[in-house]
Amino acid sequence: MNLCRVPRRYVPDEYVVCGTLQNYTDSEGEVQFVQVEECPGDSSFYTWDALLGINIDLVFLAVDTVLFMAILVGMDSGFIQRHLTEAKYNASMFLRVT
């Protein structure tokens, strides 16, 4: 019985360690038996659980990519330069002392 839930083509049943009783020889030469824990079940990395998933990393990657592309296109088209010049002109009008 394959307790690790790994497909048979990867781990044959005779090599499965999960959920079995294994012998262990300590430094003094005494043999002790250790119960190995059951293997965890299948889970997906693409989950909204903060501890188990990589979801927040993918969201940050997507947002950073969109922002970078918007800034790059704005700089290349002159959109940012026009708006900075206009903002500087409008700010100078409001800051005039009469």
PDB file of N, CA and C in Angstrom:
ATOM      1  N   MET A   1       0.848  -1.172   0.000  1.00  0.00           N
ATOM      2  CA  MET A   1       0.000   0.000   0.000  1.00  0.00           C
ATOM      3  C   MET A   1       0.895   1.238   0.000  1.00  0.00           C
ATOM      4  N   ASN A   2       0.676   2.137  -0.928  1.00  0.00           N
ATOM      5  CA  ASN A   2       1.474   3.346  -1.058  1.00  0.00           C
ATOM      6  C   ASN A   2       0.861   4.453  -0.212  1.00  0.00           C
ATOM      7  N   LEU A   3       1.464   4.749   0.931  1.00  0.00           N
ATOM      8  CA  LEU A   3       0.904   5.724   1.854  1.00  0.00           C
ATOM      9  C   LEU A   3       1.300   7.154   1.537  1.00  0.00           C
ATOM     10  N   CYS A   4       2.290   7.348   0.706  1.00  0.00           N
ATOM     11  CA  CYS A   4       2.740   8.700   0.404  1.00  0.00           C
ATOM     12  C   CYS A   4       1.975   9.347  -0.741  1.00  0.00           C
ATOM     13  N   ARG A   5       1.061   8.643  -1.339  1.00  0.00           N
ATOM     14  CA  ARG A   5       0.231   9.162  -2.414  1.00  0.00           C
ATOM     15  C   ARG A   5       1.058   9.668  -3.588  1.00  0.00           C
ATOM     16  N   VAL A   6       2.146   9.012  -3.851  1.00  0.00           N
ATOM     17  CA  VAL A   6       2.979   9.338  -5.002  1.00  0.00           C
ATOM     18  C   VAL A   6       2.643   8.318  -6.075  1.00  0.00           C
ATOM     19  N   PRO A   7       2.534   8.742  -7.326  1.00  0.00           N
ATOM     20  CA  PRO A   7       2.205   7.766  -8.379  1.00  0.00           C
ATOM     21  C   PRO A   7       3.180   6.594  -8.387  1.00  0.00           C
ATOM     22  N   ARG A   8       2.670   5.450  -8.704  1.00  0.00           N
ATOM     23  CA  ARG A   8       3.428   4.207  -8.656  1.00  0.00           C
ATOM     24  C   ARG A   8       4.667   4.236  -9.545  1.00  0.00           C
ATOM     25  N   ARG A   9       4.623   5.007 -10.620  1.00  0.00           N
ATOM     26  CA  ARG A   9       5.777   5.030 -11.518  1.00  0.00           C
ATOM     27  C   ARG A   9       6.974   5.728 -10.885  1.00  0.00           C
ATOM     28  N   TYR A  10       6.762   6.512  -9.816  1.00  0.00           N
ATOM     29  CA  TYR A  10       7.865   7.217  -9.168  1.00  0.00           C
ATOM     30  C   TYR A  10       8.446   6.442  -7.983  1.00  0.00           C
ATOM     31  N   VAL A  11       7.590   5.886  -7.137  1.00  0.00           N
ATOM     32  CA  VAL A  11       8.058   5.179  -5.941  1.00  0.00           C
ATOM     33  C   VAL A  11       7.343   3.838  -5.844  1.00  0.00           C
ATOM     34  N   PRO A  12       8.072   2.747  -5.996  1.00  0.00           N
ATOM     35  CA  PRO A  12       7.439   1.433  -5.812  1.00  0.00           C
ATOM     36  C   PRO A  12       7.041   1.224  -4.343  1.00  0.00           C
ATOM     37  N   ASP A  13       6.077   0.348  -4.124  1.00  0.00           N
ATOM     38  CA  ASP A  13       5.552   0.131  -2.771  1.00  0.00           C
ATOM     39  C   ASP A  13       6.618  -0.343  -1.791  1.00  0.00           C
ATOM     40  N   GLU A  14       7.606  -1.092  -2.246  1.00  0.00           N
ATOM     41  CA  GLU A  14       8.607  -1.599  -1.295  1.00  0.00           C
ATOM     42  C   GLU A  14       9.536  -0.512  -0.772  1.00  0.00           C
ATOM     43  N   TYR A  15       9.558   0.667  -1.422  1.00  0.00           N
ATOM     44  CA  TYR A  15      10.432   1.753  -0.972  1.00  0.00           C
ATOM     45  C   TYR A  15       9.702   2.851  -0.197  1.00  0.00           C
ATOM     46  N   VAL A  16       8.404   2.734  -0.037  1.00  0.00           N
ATOM     47  CA  VAL A  16       7.630   3.746   0.678  1.00  0.00           C
ATOM     48  C   VAL A  16       7.947   3.675   2.163  1.00  0.00           C
ATOM     49  N   VAL A  17       8.249   4.826   2.767  1.00  0.00           N
ATOM     50  CA  VAL A  17       8.634   4.885   4.178  1.00  0.00           C
ATOM     51  C   VAL A  17       7.513   5.458   5.040  1.00  0.00           C
ATOM     52  N   CYS A  18       6.649   6.279   4.458  1.00  0.00           N
ATOM     53  CA  CYS A  18       5.613   6.965   5.231  1.00  0.00           C
ATOM     54  C   CYS A  18       4.675   5.971   5.912  1.00  0.00           C
ATOM     55  N   GLY A  19       4.415   6.224   7.183  1.00  0.00           N
ATOM     56  CA  GLY A  19       3.464   5.417   7.935  1.00  0.00           C
ATOM     57  C   GLY A  19       3.952   4.046   8.325  1.00  0.00           C
ATOM     58  N   THR A  20       5.245   3.794   8.293  1.00  0.00           N
ATOM     59  CA  THR A  20       5.776   2.474   8.639  1.00  0.00           C
ATOM     60  C   THR A  20       6.598   2.551   9.924  1.00  0.00           C
ATOM     61  N   LEU A  21       6.933   1.388  10.443  1.00  0.00           N
ATOM     62  CA  LEU A  21       7.771   1.277  11.632  1.00  0.00           C
ATOM     63  C   LEU A  21       9.186   0.968  11.158  1.00  0.00           C
ATOM     64  N   GLN A  22      10.132   1.851  11.462  1.00  0.00           N
ATOM     65  CA  GLN A  22      11.512   1.703  11.004  1.00  0.00           C
ATOM     66  C   GLN A  22      12.434   1.456  12.191  1.00  0.00           C
ATOM     67  N   ASN A  23      13.452   0.629  11.982  1.00  0.00           N
ATOM     68  CA  ASN A  23      14.428   0.439  13.051  1.00  0.00           C
ATOM     69  C   ASN A  23      15.536   1.473  12.910  1.00  0.00           C
ATOM     70  N   TYR A  24      16.061   1.903  14.043  1.00  0.00           N
ATOM     71  CA  TYR A  24      17.049   2.970  14.105  1.00  0.00           C
ATOM     72  C   TYR A  24      18.118   2.559  15.108  1.00  0.00           C
ATOM     73  N   THR A  25      19.369   2.616  14.700  1.00  0.00           N
ATOM     74  CA  THR A  25      20.458   2.280  15.611  1.00  0.00           C
ATOM     75  C   THR A  25      21.091   3.579  16.090  1.00  0.00           C
ATOM     76  N   ASP A  26      21.070   3.791  17.406  1.00  0.00           N
ATOM     77  CA  ASP A  26      21.632   5.026  17.948  1.00  0.00           C
ATOM     78  C   ASP A  26      23.149   4.921  18.100  1.00  0.00           C
ATOM     79  N   SER A  27      23.775   5.948  18.665  1.00  0.00           N
ATOM     80  CA  SER A  27      25.233   5.991  18.760  1.00  0.00           C
ATOM     81  C   SER A  27      25.798   4.932  19.704  1.00  0.00           C
ATOM     82  N   GLU A  28      24.980   4.410  20.603  1.00  0.00           N
ATOM     83  CA  GLU A  28      25.436   3.382  21.543  1.00  0.00           C
ATOM     84  C   GLU A  28      25.239   1.981  20.997  1.00  0.00           C
ATOM     85  N   GLY A  29      24.695   1.866  19.799  1.00  0.00           N
ATOM     86  CA  GLY A  29      24.504   0.566  19.182  1.00  0.00           C
ATOM     87  C   GLY A  29      23.184  -0.088  19.518  1.00  0.00           C
ATOM     88  N   GLU A  30      22.314   0.572  20.244  1.00  0.00           N
ATOM     89  CA  GLU A  30      21.009   0.012  20.582  1.00  0.00           C
ATOM     90  C   GLU A  30      20.035   0.239  19.436  1.00  0.00           C
ATOM     91  N   VAL A  31      19.257  -0.770  19.156  1.00  0.00           N
ATOM     92  CA  VAL A  31      18.265  -0.678  18.082  1.00  0.00           C
ATOM     93  C   VAL A  31      16.955  -0.197  18.680  1.00  0.00           C
ATOM     94  N   GLN A  32      16.428   0.871  18.113  1.00  0.00           N
ATOM     95  CA  GLN A  32      15.139   1.417  18.542  1.00  0.00           C
ATOM     96  C   GLN A  32      14.209   1.439  17.332  1.00  0.00           C
ATOM     97  N   PHE A  33      12.934   1.356  17.604  1.00  0.00           N
ATOM     98  CA  PHE A  33      11.947   1.398  16.535  1.00  0.00           C
ATOM     99  C   PHE A  33      11.253   2.748  16.548  1.00  0.00           C
ATOM    100  N   VAL A  34      11.126   3.326  15.371  1.00  0.00           N
ATOM    101  CA  VAL A  34      10.539   4.657  15.221  1.00  0.00           C
ATOM    102  C   VAL A  34       9.351   4.560  14.271  1.00  0.00           C
ATOM    103  N   GLN A  35       8.221   5.117  14.698  1.00  0.00           N
ATOM    104  CA  GLN A  35       7.036   5.172  13.835  1.00  0.00           C
ATOM    105  C   GLN A  35       7.141   6.417  12.965  1.00  0.00           C
ATOM    106  N   VAL A  36       7.192   6.225  11.655  1.00  0.00           N
ATOM    107  CA  VAL A  36       7.282   7.337  10.710  1.00  0.00           C
ATOM    108  C   VAL A  36       5.877   7.885  10.478  1.00  0.00           C
ATOM    109  N   GLU A  37       5.768   9.201  10.460  1.00  0.00           N
ATOM    110  CA  GLU A  37       4.469   9.844  10.266  1.00  0.00           C
ATOM    111  C   GLU A  37       3.928   9.578   8.869  1.00  0.00           C
ATOM    112  N   GLU A  38       2.620   9.711   8.759  1.00  0.00           N
ATOM    113  CA  GLU A  38       1.978   9.574   7.455  1.00  0.00           C
ATOM    114  C   GLU A  38       2.411  10.734   6.563  1.00  0.00           C
ATOM    115  N   CYS A  39       2.512  10.479   5.287  1.00  0.00           N
ATOM    116  CA  CYS A  39       2.862  11.542   4.345  1.00  0.00           C
ATOM    117  C   CYS A  39       1.669  12.474   4.172  1.00  0.00           C
ATOM    118  N   PRO A  40       1.947  13.737   3.937  1.00  0.00           N
ATOM    119  CA  PRO A  40       0.834  14.676   3.732  1.00  0.00           C
ATOM    120  C   PRO A  40       0.124  14.394   2.425  1.00  0.00           C
ATOM    121  N   GLY A  41      -1.106  14.803   2.362  1.00  0.00           N
ATOM    122  CA  GLY A  41      -1.887  14.611   1.143  1.00  0.00           C
ATOM    123  C   GLY A  41      -1.478  15.589   0.061  1.00  0.00           C
ATOM    124  N   ASP A  42      -2.071  15.405  -1.085  1.00  0.00           N
ATOM    125  CA  ASP A  42      -1.784  16.287  -2.211  1.00  0.00           C
ATOM    126  C   ASP A  42      -2.344  17.671  -1.923  1.00  0.00           C
ATOM    127  N   SER A  43      -1.584  18.689  -2.263  1.00  0.00           N
ATOM    128  CA  SER A  43      -2.071  20.059  -2.131  1.00  0.00           C
ATOM    129  C   SER A  43      -1.509  20.887  -3.270  1.00  0.00           C
ATOM    130  N   SER A  44      -2.176  21.967  -3.550  1.00  0.00           N
ATOM    131  CA  SER A  44      -1.777  22.838  -4.645  1.00  0.00           C
ATOM    132  C   SER A  44      -1.038  24.049  -4.094  1.00  0.00           C
ATOM    133  N   PHE A  45      -0.028  24.501  -4.826  1.00  0.00           N
ATOM    134  CA  PHE A  45       0.666  25.717  -4.433  1.00  0.00           C
ATOM    135  C   PHE A  45      -0.154  26.949  -4.781  1.00  0.00           C
ATOM    136  N   TYR A  46      -1.069  26.831  -5.730  1.00  0.00           N
ATOM    137  CA  TYR A  46      -1.874  27.960  -6.160  1.00  0.00           C
ATOM    138  C   TYR A  46      -3.139  28.037  -5.310  1.00  0.00           C
ATOM    139  N   THR A  47      -2.979  28.459  -4.092  1.00  0.00           N
ATOM    140  CA  THR A  47      -4.084  28.572  -3.157  1.00  0.00           C
ATOM    141  C   THR A  47      -4.016  29.937  -2.498  1.00  0.00           C
ATOM    142  N   TRP A  48      -5.118  30.364  -1.912  1.00  0.00           N
ATOM    143  CA  TRP A  48      -5.140  31.675  -1.264  1.00  0.00           C
ATOM    144  C   TRP A  48      -4.740  31.581   0.196  1.00  0.00           C
ATOM    145  N   ASP A  49      -4.311  30.428   0.655  1.00  0.00           N
ATOM    146  CA  ASP A  49      -3.811  30.286   2.018  1.00  0.00           C
ATOM    147  C   ASP A  49      -2.430  30.935   2.088  1.00  0.00           C
ATOM    148  N   ALA A  50      -2.245  31.815   3.060  1.00  0.00           N
ATOM    149  CA  ALA A  50      -1.001  32.595   3.131  1.00  0.00           C
ATOM    150  C   ALA A  50       0.221  31.722   3.410  1.00  0.00           C
ATOM    151  N   LEU A  51       0.056  30.627   4.130  1.00  0.00           N
ATOM    152  CA  LEU A  51       1.194  29.796   4.491  1.00  0.00           C
ATOM    153  C   LEU A  51       1.508  28.721   3.463  1.00  0.00           C
ATOM    154  N   LEU A  52       0.543  28.345   2.651  1.00  0.00           N
ATOM    155  CA  LEU A  52       0.741  27.223   1.740  1.00  0.00           C
ATOM    156  C   LEU A  52       0.912  27.633   0.294  1.00  0.00           C
ATOM    157  N   GLY A  53       0.455  28.813  -0.079  1.00  0.00           N
ATOM    158  CA  GLY A  53       0.435  29.164  -1.487  1.00  0.00           C
ATOM    159  C   GLY A  53       1.466  30.192  -1.890  1.00  0.00           C
ATOM    160  N   ILE A  54       1.615  30.327  -3.192  1.00  0.00           N
ATOM    161  CA  ILE A  54       2.484  31.359  -3.746  1.00  0.00           C
ATOM    162  C   ILE A  54       1.629  32.424  -4.404  1.00  0.00           C
ATOM    163  N   ASN A  55       0.380  32.519  -3.984  1.00  0.00           N
ATOM    164  CA  ASN A  55      -0.578  33.404  -4.613  1.00  0.00           C
ATOM    165  C   ASN A  55      -0.198  34.868  -4.495  1.00  0.00           C
ATOM    166  N   ILE A  56       0.237  35.322  -3.341  1.00  0.00           N
ATOM    167  CA  ILE A  56       0.542  36.733  -3.152  1.00  0.00           C
ATOM    168  C   ILE A  56       1.743  37.121  -4.010  1.00  0.00           C
ATOM    169  N   ASP A  57       2.670  36.206  -4.206  1.00  0.00           N
ATOM    170  CA  ASP A  57       3.810  36.486  -5.071  1.00  0.00           C
ATOM    171  C   ASP A  57       3.365  36.679  -6.516  1.00  0.00           C
ATOM    172  N   LEU A  58       2.416  35.862  -6.966  1.00  0.00           N
ATOM    173  CA  LEU A  58       1.917  36.005  -8.329  1.00  0.00           C
ATOM    174  C   LEU A  58       1.146  37.301  -8.503  1.00  0.00           C
ATOM    175  N   VAL A  59       0.393  37.692  -7.483  1.00  0.00           N
ATOM    176  CA  VAL A  59      -0.347  38.949  -7.552  1.00  0.00           C
ATOM    177  C   VAL A  59       0.629  40.125  -7.612  1.00  0.00           C
ATOM    178  N   PHE A  60       1.651  40.125  -6.756  1.00  0.00           N
ATOM    179  CA  PHE A  60       2.653  41.199  -6.790  1.00  0.00           C
ATOM    180  C   PHE A  60       3.372  41.238  -8.135  1.00  0.00           C
ATOM    181  N   LEU A  61       3.693  40.080  -8.673  1.00  0.00           N
ATOM    182  CA  LEU A  61       4.359  40.027  -9.977  1.00  0.00           C
ATOM    183  C   LEU A  61       3.481  40.644 -11.059  1.00  0.00           C
ATOM    184  N   ALA A  62       2.203  40.324 -11.061  1.00  0.00           N
ATOM    185  CA  ALA A  62       1.286  40.863 -12.067  1.00  0.00           C
ATOM    186  C   ALA A  62       1.125  42.371 -11.910  1.00  0.00           C
ATOM    187  N   VAL A  63       0.958  42.846 -10.684  1.00  0.00           N
ATOM    188  CA  VAL A  63       0.787  44.285 -10.448  1.00  0.00           C
ATOM    189  C   VAL A  63       2.062  45.035 -10.817  1.00  0.00           C
ATOM    190  N   ASP A  64       3.208  44.529 -10.411  1.00  0.00           N
ATOM    191  CA  ASP A  64       4.475  45.185 -10.751  1.00  0.00           C
ATOM    192  C   ASP A  64       4.696  45.227 -12.259  1.00  0.00           C
ATOM    193  N   THR A  65       4.331  44.164 -12.957  1.00  0.00           N
ATOM    194  CA  THR A  65       4.483  44.131 -14.401  1.00  0.00           C
ATOM    195  C   THR A  65       3.603  45.179 -15.069  1.00  0.00           C
ATOM    196  N   VAL A  66       2.353  45.288 -14.630  1.00  0.00           N
ATOM    197  CA  VAL A  66       1.440  46.279 -15.206  1.00  0.00           C
ATOM    198  C   VAL A  66       1.940  47.697 -14.923  1.00  0.00           C
ATOM    199  N   LEU A  67       2.373  47.972 -13.692  1.00  0.00           N
ATOM    200  CA  LEU A  67       2.883  49.301 -13.366  1.00  0.00           C
ATOM    201  C   LEU A  67       4.141  49.632 -14.167  1.00  0.00           C
ATOM    202  N   PHE A  68       5.054  48.688 -14.273  1.00  0.00           N
ATOM    203  CA  PHE A  68       6.278  48.917 -15.032  1.00  0.00           C
ATOM    204  C   PHE A  68       5.975  49.213 -16.490  1.00  0.00           C
ATOM    205  N   MET A  69       5.078  48.437 -17.081  1.00  0.00           N
ATOM    206  CA  MET A  69       4.737  48.656 -18.481  1.00  0.00           C
ATOM    207  C   MET A  69       4.036  50.001 -18.670  1.00  0.00           C
ATOM    208  N   ALA A  70       3.165  50.396 -17.732  1.00  0.00           N
ATOM    209  CA  ALA A  70       2.482  51.688 -17.837  1.00  0.00           C
ATOM    210  C   ALA A  70       3.487  52.831 -17.751  1.00  0.00           C
ATOM    211  N   ILE A  71       4.435  52.746 -16.840  1.00  0.00           N
ATOM    212  CA  ILE A  71       5.454  53.790 -16.715  1.00  0.00           C
ATOM    213  C   ILE A  71       6.336  53.816 -17.959  1.00  0.00           C
ATOM    214  N   LEU A  72       6.703  52.671 -18.457  1.00  0.00           N
ATOM    215  CA  LEU A  72       7.561  52.597 -19.644  1.00  0.00           C
ATOM    216  C   LEU A  72       6.868  53.183 -20.872  1.00  0.00           C
ATOM    217  N   VAL A  73       5.609  52.833 -21.073  1.00  0.00           N
ATOM    218  CA  VAL A  73       4.853  53.370 -22.211  1.00  0.00           C
ATOM    219  C   VAL A  73       4.633  54.867 -22.029  1.00  0.00           C
ATOM    220  N   GLY A  74       4.354  55.301 -20.796  1.00  0.00           N
ATOM    221  CA  GLY A  74       4.170  56.733 -20.534  1.00  0.00           C
ATOM    222  C   GLY A  74       5.423  57.535 -20.800  1.00  0.00           C
ATOM    223  N   MET A  75       6.573  56.999 -20.445  1.00  0.00           N
ATOM    224  CA  MET A  75       7.830  57.696 -20.709  1.00  0.00           C
ATOM    225  C   MET A  75       8.132  57.717 -22.206  1.00  0.00           C
ATOM    226  N   ASP A  76       7.891  56.636 -22.886  1.00  0.00           N
ATOM    227  CA  ASP A  76       8.213  56.546 -24.304  1.00  0.00           C
ATOM    228  C   ASP A  76       7.306  57.436 -25.143  1.00  0.00           C
ATOM    229  N   SER A  77       6.044  57.551 -24.768  1.00  0.00           N
ATOM    230  CA  SER A  77       5.107  58.358 -25.551  1.00  0.00           C
ATOM    231  C   SER A  77       5.154  59.833 -25.196  1.00  0.00           C
ATOM    232  N   GLY A  78       5.853  60.213 -24.151  1.00  0.00           N
ATOM    233  CA  GLY A  78       5.923  61.611 -23.750  1.00  0.00           C
ATOM    234  C   GLY A  78       4.764  62.025 -22.864  1.00  0.00           C
ATOM    235  N   PHE A  79       3.896  61.097 -22.519  1.00  0.00           N
ATOM    236  CA  PHE A  79       2.728  61.382 -21.686  1.00  0.00           C
ATOM    237  C   PHE A  79       3.151  61.907 -20.313  1.00  0.00           C
ATOM    238  N   ILE A  80       4.122  61.274 -19.717  1.00  0.00           N
ATOM    239  CA  ILE A  80       4.574  61.678 -18.378  1.00  0.00           C
ATOM    240  C   ILE A  80       5.230  63.052 -18.435  1.00  0.00           C
ATOM    241  N   GLN A  81       6.049  63.307 -19.445  1.00  0.00           N
ATOM    242  CA  GLN A  81       6.736  64.595 -19.563  1.00  0.00           C
ATOM    243  C   GLN A  81       5.723  65.731 -19.750  1.00  0.00           C
ATOM    244  N   ARG A  82       4.704  65.517 -20.602  1.00  0.00           N
ATOM    245  CA  ARG A  82       3.675  66.549 -20.806  1.00  0.00           C
ATOM    246  C   ARG A  82       2.954  66.866 -19.513  1.00  0.00           C
ATOM    247  N   HIS A  83       2.598  65.820 -18.762  1.00  0.00           N
ATOM    248  CA  HIS A  83       1.844  66.052 -17.532  1.00  0.00           C
ATOM    249  C   HIS A  83       2.711  66.664 -16.443  1.00  0.00           C
ATOM    250  N   LEU A  84       3.980  66.310 -16.393  1.00  0.00           N
ATOM    251  CA  LEU A  84       4.866  66.941 -15.415  1.00  0.00           C
ATOM    252  C   LEU A  84       5.061  68.421 -15.739  1.00  0.00           C
ATOM    253  N   THR A  85       5.220  68.748 -17.010  1.00  0.00           N
ATOM    254  CA  THR A  85       5.367  70.146 -17.413  1.00  0.00           C
ATOM    255  C   THR A  85       4.096  70.931 -17.102  1.00  0.00           C
ATOM    256  N   GLU A  86       2.955  70.333 -17.394  1.00  0.00           N
ATOM    257  CA  GLU A  86       1.683  70.990 -17.112  1.00  0.00           C
ATOM    258  C   GLU A  86       1.480  71.175 -15.612  1.00  0.00           C
ATOM    259  N   ALA A  87       1.834  70.190 -14.834  1.00  0.00           N
ATOM    260  CA  ALA A  87       1.691  70.302 -13.380  1.00  0.00           C
ATOM    261  C   ALA A  87       2.626  71.365 -12.829  1.00  0.00           C
ATOM    262  N   LYS A  88       3.825  71.452 -13.369  1.00  0.00           N
ATOM    263  CA  LYS A  88       4.771  72.465 -12.931  1.00  0.00           C
ATOM    264  C   LYS A  88       4.247  73.869 -13.273  1.00  0.00           C
ATOM    265  N   TYR A  89       3.663  74.022 -14.455  1.00  0.00           N
ATOM    266  CA  TYR A  89       3.115  75.309 -14.865  1.00  0.00           C
ATOM    267  C   TYR A  89       1.931  75.689 -13.981  1.00  0.00           C
ATOM    268  N   ASN A  90       1.023  74.752 -13.743  1.00  0.00           N
ATOM    269  CA  ASN A  90      -0.154  75.033 -12.898  1.00  0.00           C
ATOM    270  C   ASN A  90       0.262  75.327 -11.472  1.00  0.00           C
ATOM    271  N   ALA A  91       1.265  74.632 -10.961  1.00  0.00           N
ATOM    272  CA  ALA A  91       1.723  74.871  -9.596  1.00  0.00           C
ATOM    273  C   ALA A  91       2.350  76.249  -9.488  1.00  0.00           C
ATOM    274  N   SER A  92       3.062  76.691 -10.524  1.00  0.00           N
ATOM    275  CA  SER A  92       3.679  78.014 -10.471  1.00  0.00           C
ATOM    276  C   SER A  92       2.631  79.114 -10.498  1.00  0.00           C
ATOM    277  N   MET A  93       1.499  78.848 -11.134  1.00  0.00           N
ATOM    278  CA  MET A  93       0.418  79.845 -11.137  1.00  0.00           C
ATOM    279  C   MET A  93      -0.196  79.995  -9.755  1.00  0.00           C
ATOM    280  N   PHE A  94      -0.316  78.900  -9.010  1.00  0.00           N
ATOM    281  CA  PHE A  94      -0.919  78.969  -7.696  1.00  0.00           C
ATOM    282  C   PHE A  94       0.051  79.509  -6.649  1.00  0.00           C
ATOM    283  N   LEU A  95       1.329  79.416  -6.915  1.00  0.00           N
ATOM    284  CA  LEU A  95       2.315  79.828  -5.927  1.00  0.00           C
ATOM    285  C   LEU A  95       2.797  81.280  -6.140  1.00  0.00           C
ATOM    286  N   ARG A  96       2.245  81.974  -7.136  1.00  0.00           N
ATOM    287  CA  ARG A  96       2.646  83.350  -7.363  1.00  0.00           C
ATOM    288  C   ARG A  96       2.184  84.240  -6.227  1.00  0.00           C
ATOM    289  N   VAL A  97       3.054  85.122  -5.857  1.00  0.00           N
ATOM    290  CA  VAL A  97       2.708  86.102  -4.816  1.00  0.00           C
ATOM    291  C   VAL A  97       2.343  87.386  -5.520  1.00  0.00           C
ATOM    292  N   THR A  98       1.149  87.869  -5.253  1.00  0.00           N
ATOM    293  CA  THR A  98       0.735  89.117  -5.906  1.00  0.00           C
ATOM    294  C   THR A  98       0.673  90.253  -4.932  1.00  0.00           C
TER     295      THR A  98
END
